Structures are given as structure tokens and as C-alpha cells.
Amino acid sequence: MTENDELNKKKIMTDEEAAVRIQSTYKGFKVRKEIQDEKETKAATRIQANFRGHKTRKELAEKEVYPSNDDDDCPGYSEEEAAAIKIQANFRGHQTRKQLSSNSKVQQ
């Protein structure tokens, strides 16, 4: 056997090796697609939730149950105190979402 014959032999895949390569490529594609679909579902859910909240706040403002003054989110507080309250509330929400996210990852 010549050197060229040996190289050609190494380059040729068996049917089983080819099948394994095709299967692994497809499985990788399938998993990436599932992850993308999951991300899109989460994004759509977030958009829907935000819209529902907006819609509810708008309806409550029209009924005068919810204060409609955008400048005064925290009545009775100075502007600086109201800003601090907003920052604290946003951070608490961030912490809660982060904790819920890590809990859901642990359960999976």
C-alpha cells in the first residue's frame, strides 16, 4: 500500500460514523431551536404582561381609582424621596425576578 492509499482510507468515513455525525448535528440543531423557542415564548409573555398592566392602569385612571398624575407617583413625599422609593422598588423587583429565575433553573 502506498502512502496515498493510507490517507484515502483515513479520509473515508464508515456509514456508522457518518450516521453518528448527522445525528449529533441534528440533535444540536434541535436543542438550539428549543432554546430559541423558549426565549421567544418568555419574551412574548413579558410583552403581554406589560401590556395588560398598562391597560389595567389606564382603566383604573379613567375610573379615578388610581392616581393619574405621572409626576407624583409617591404623594406626600419630596421629589428626592419619591425617586429613592422608585429605585428601591425597582431593585426589590430585580432581586425577586433574579431569585425566581434561579429557583426555576434549580427545579429543571
C-alpha atoms as a PDB file:
ATOM      1  CA  MET A   1       0.000   0.000   0.000  1.00  0.00           C
ATOM      2  CA  THR A   2       1.233   3.418  -0.805  1.00  0.00           C
ATOM      3  CA  GLU A   3       1.045   6.483   1.384  1.00  0.00           C
ATOM      4  CA  ASN A   4      -1.704   7.914  -0.763  1.00  0.00           C
ATOM      5  CA  ASP A   5      -3.874   4.817  -0.263  1.00  0.00           C
ATOM      6  CA  GLU A   6      -3.498   5.068   3.509  1.00  0.00           C
ATOM      7  CA  LEU A   7      -4.536   8.741   3.523  1.00  0.00           C
ATOM      8  CA  ASN A   8      -7.611   7.985   1.407  1.00  0.00           C
ATOM      9  CA  LYS A   9      -8.564   5.177   3.775  1.00  0.00           C
ATOM     10  CA  LYS A  10      -8.397   7.536   6.769  1.00  0.00           C
ATOM     11  CA  LYS A  11     -10.472  10.185   4.996  1.00  0.00           C
ATOM     12  CA  ILE A  12     -13.306   7.835   4.134  1.00  0.00           C
ATOM     13  CA  MET A  13     -15.911   7.624   6.891  1.00  0.00           C
ATOM     14  CA  THR A  14     -17.784   4.482   7.605  1.00  0.00           C
ATOM     15  CA  ASP A  15     -21.549   4.555   7.309  1.00  0.00           C
ATOM     16  CA  GLU A  16     -21.840   4.349  11.084  1.00  0.00           C
ATOM     17  CA  GLU A  17     -19.516   7.324  11.633  1.00  0.00           C
ATOM     18  CA  ALA A  18     -21.444   9.343   9.077  1.00  0.00           C
ATOM     19  CA  ALA A  19     -24.761   8.476  10.757  1.00  0.00           C
ATOM     20  CA  VAL A  20     -23.382   9.490  14.163  1.00  0.00           C
ATOM     21  CA  ARG A  21     -22.174  12.816  12.762  1.00  0.00           C
ATOM     22  CA  ILE A  22     -25.544  13.524  11.114  1.00  0.00           C
ATOM     23  CA  GLN A  23     -27.447  12.595  14.281  1.00  0.00           C
ATOM     24  CA  SER A  24     -25.268  14.743  16.528  1.00  0.00           C
ATOM     25  CA  THR A  25     -25.592  17.700  14.168  1.00  0.00           C
ATOM     26  CA  TYR A  26     -29.384  17.343  14.099  1.00  0.00           C
ATOM     27  CA  LYS A  27     -29.615  16.991  17.888  1.00  0.00           C
ATOM     28  CA  GLY A  28     -27.571  20.174  18.320  1.00  0.00           C
ATOM     29  CA  PHE A  29     -29.835  21.993  15.867  1.00  0.00           C
ATOM     30  CA  LYS A  30     -32.929  20.727  17.669  1.00  0.00           C
ATOM     31  CA  VAL A  31     -31.688  21.846  21.110  1.00  0.00           C
ATOM     32  CA  ARG A  32     -30.712  25.293  19.799  1.00  0.00           C
ATOM     33  CA  LYS A  33     -34.167  25.655  18.243  1.00  0.00           C
ATOM     34  CA  GLU A  34     -35.877  24.642  21.521  1.00  0.00           C
ATOM     35  CA  ILE A  35     -33.834  27.210  23.445  1.00  0.00           C
ATOM     36  CA  GLN A  36     -34.710  29.911  20.903  1.00  0.00           C
ATOM     37  CA  ASP A  37     -38.406  28.983  21.056  1.00  0.00           C
ATOM     38  CA  GLU A  38     -38.281  29.150  24.855  1.00  0.00           C
ATOM     39  CA  LYS A  39     -36.689  32.622  24.742  1.00  0.00           C
ATOM     40  CA  GLU A  40     -39.321  33.831  22.275  1.00  0.00           C
ATOM     41  CA  THR A  41     -42.128  32.473  24.465  1.00  0.00           C
ATOM     42  CA  LYS A  42     -40.716  34.236  27.529  1.00  0.00           C
ATOM     43  CA  ALA A  43     -40.363  37.491  25.585  1.00  0.00           C
ATOM     44  CA  ALA A  44     -43.940  37.273  24.297  1.00  0.00           C
ATOM     45  CA  THR A  45     -45.209  36.566  27.817  1.00  0.00           C
ATOM     46  CA  ARG A  46     -43.328  39.590  29.178  1.00  0.00           C
ATOM     47  CA  ILE A  47     -44.762  41.833  26.449  1.00  0.00           C
ATOM     48  CA  GLN A  48     -48.287  40.567  27.122  1.00  0.00           C
ATOM     49  CA  ALA A  49     -47.904  41.094  30.883  1.00  0.00           C
ATOM     50  CA  ASN A  50     -46.612  44.627  30.390  1.00  0.00           C
ATOM     51  CA  PHE A  51     -49.494  45.467  28.076  1.00  0.00           C
ATOM     52  CA  ARG A  52     -52.072  44.034  30.494  1.00  0.00           C
ATOM     53  CA  GLY A  53     -50.572  46.118  33.308  1.00  0.00           C
ATOM     54  CA  HIS A  54     -50.640  49.229  31.138  1.00  0.00           C
ATOM     55  CA  LYS A  55     -54.235  48.537  30.132  1.00  0.00           C
ATOM     56  CA  THR A  56     -55.331  47.983  33.748  1.00  0.00           C
ATOM     57  CA  ARG A  57     -53.602  51.143  34.982  1.00  0.00           C
ATOM     58  CA  LYS A  58     -55.242  53.111  32.175  1.00  0.00           C
ATOM     59  CA  GLU A  59     -58.688  51.728  33.067  1.00  0.00           C
ATOM     60  CA  LEU A  60     -58.174  52.473  36.769  1.00  0.00           C
ATOM     61  CA  ALA A  61     -57.002  56.004  35.979  1.00  0.00           C
ATOM     62  CA  GLU A  62     -60.162  56.569  33.962  1.00  0.00           C
ATOM     63  CA  LYS A  63     -62.238  55.407  36.940  1.00  0.00           C
ATOM     64  CA  GLU A  64     -60.142  57.681  39.199  1.00  0.00           C
ATOM     65  CA  VAL A  65     -59.218  54.738  41.438  1.00  0.00           C
ATOM     66  CA  TYR A  66     -55.548  55.010  40.560  1.00  0.00           C
ATOM     67  CA  PRO A  67     -53.777  58.384  40.679  1.00  0.00           C
ATOM     68  CA  SER A  68     -53.226  59.563  37.128  1.00  0.00           C
ATOM     69  CA  ASN A  69     -50.684  62.288  37.938  1.00  0.00           C
ATOM     70  CA  ASP A  70     -47.472  60.959  36.363  1.00  0.00           C
ATOM     71  CA  ASP A  71     -45.277  63.446  38.227  1.00  0.00           C
ATOM     72  CA  ASP A  72     -46.453  62.396  41.683  1.00  0.00           C
ATOM     73  CA  ASP A  73     -46.060  58.623  42.000  1.00  0.00           C
ATOM     74  CA  CYS A  74     -45.466  58.905  45.742  1.00  0.00           C
ATOM     75  CA  PRO A  75     -47.862  61.511  47.164  1.00  0.00           C
ATOM     76  CA  GLY A  76     -46.727  63.094  50.407  1.00  0.00           C
ATOM     77  CA  TYR A  77     -43.012  62.672  49.649  1.00  0.00           C
ATOM     78  CA  SER A  78     -40.470  65.119  48.290  1.00  0.00           C
ATOM     79  CA  GLU A  79     -39.145  64.586  44.789  1.00  0.00           C
ATOM     80  CA  GLU A  80     -35.903  63.084  46.134  1.00  0.00           C
ATOM     81  CA  GLU A  81     -37.746  60.736  48.493  1.00  0.00           C
ATOM     82  CA  ALA A  82     -40.061  59.635  45.683  1.00  0.00           C
ATOM     83  CA  ALA A  83     -37.035  58.932  43.467  1.00  0.00           C
ATOM     84  CA  ALA A  84     -35.423  56.882  46.240  1.00  0.00           C
ATOM     85  CA  ILE A  85     -38.645  54.904  46.697  1.00  0.00           C
ATOM     86  CA  LYS A  86     -38.803  54.159  42.955  1.00  0.00           C
ATOM     87  CA  ILE A  87     -35.180  52.994  42.900  1.00  0.00           C
ATOM     88  CA  GLN A  88     -35.734  50.754  45.921  1.00  0.00           C
ATOM     89  CA  ALA A  89     -38.888  49.261  44.428  1.00  0.00           C
ATOM     90  CA  ASN A  90     -37.156  48.574  41.118  1.00  0.00           C
ATOM     91  CA  PHE A  91     -34.221  46.929  42.876  1.00  0.00           C
ATOM     92  CA  ARG A  92     -36.521  44.749  45.014  1.00  0.00           C
ATOM     93  CA  GLY A  93     -38.310  43.683  41.834  1.00  0.00           C
ATOM     94  CA  HIS A  94     -34.967  42.888  40.201  1.00  0.00           C
ATOM     95  CA  GLN A  95     -33.903  40.776  43.200  1.00  0.00           C
ATOM     96  CA  THR A  96     -37.202  38.893  43.223  1.00  0.00           C
ATOM     97  CA  ARG A  97     -37.063  38.158  39.488  1.00  0.00           C
ATOM     98  CA  LYS A  98     -33.453  37.003  39.825  1.00  0.00           C
ATOM     99  CA  GLN A  99     -34.364  34.705  42.723  1.00  0.00           C
ATOM    100  CA  LEU A 100     -37.366  33.291  40.855  1.00  0.00           C
ATOM    101  CA  SER A 101     -35.197  32.710  37.792  1.00  0.00           C
ATOM    102  CA  SER A 102     -32.568  30.822  39.795  1.00  0.00           C
ATOM    103  CA  ASN A 103     -35.289  28.789  41.541  1.00  0.00           C
ATOM    104  CA  SER A 104     -36.795  27.755  38.208  1.00  0.00           C
ATOM    105  CA  LYS A 105     -33.344  26.729  36.907  1.00  0.00           C
ATOM    106  CA  VAL A 106     -32.781  24.575  40.015  1.00  0.00           C
ATOM    107  CA  GLN A 107     -36.147  22.849  39.562  1.00  0.00           C
ATOM    108  CA  GLN A 108     -35.399  21.997  35.932  1.00  0.00           C
END
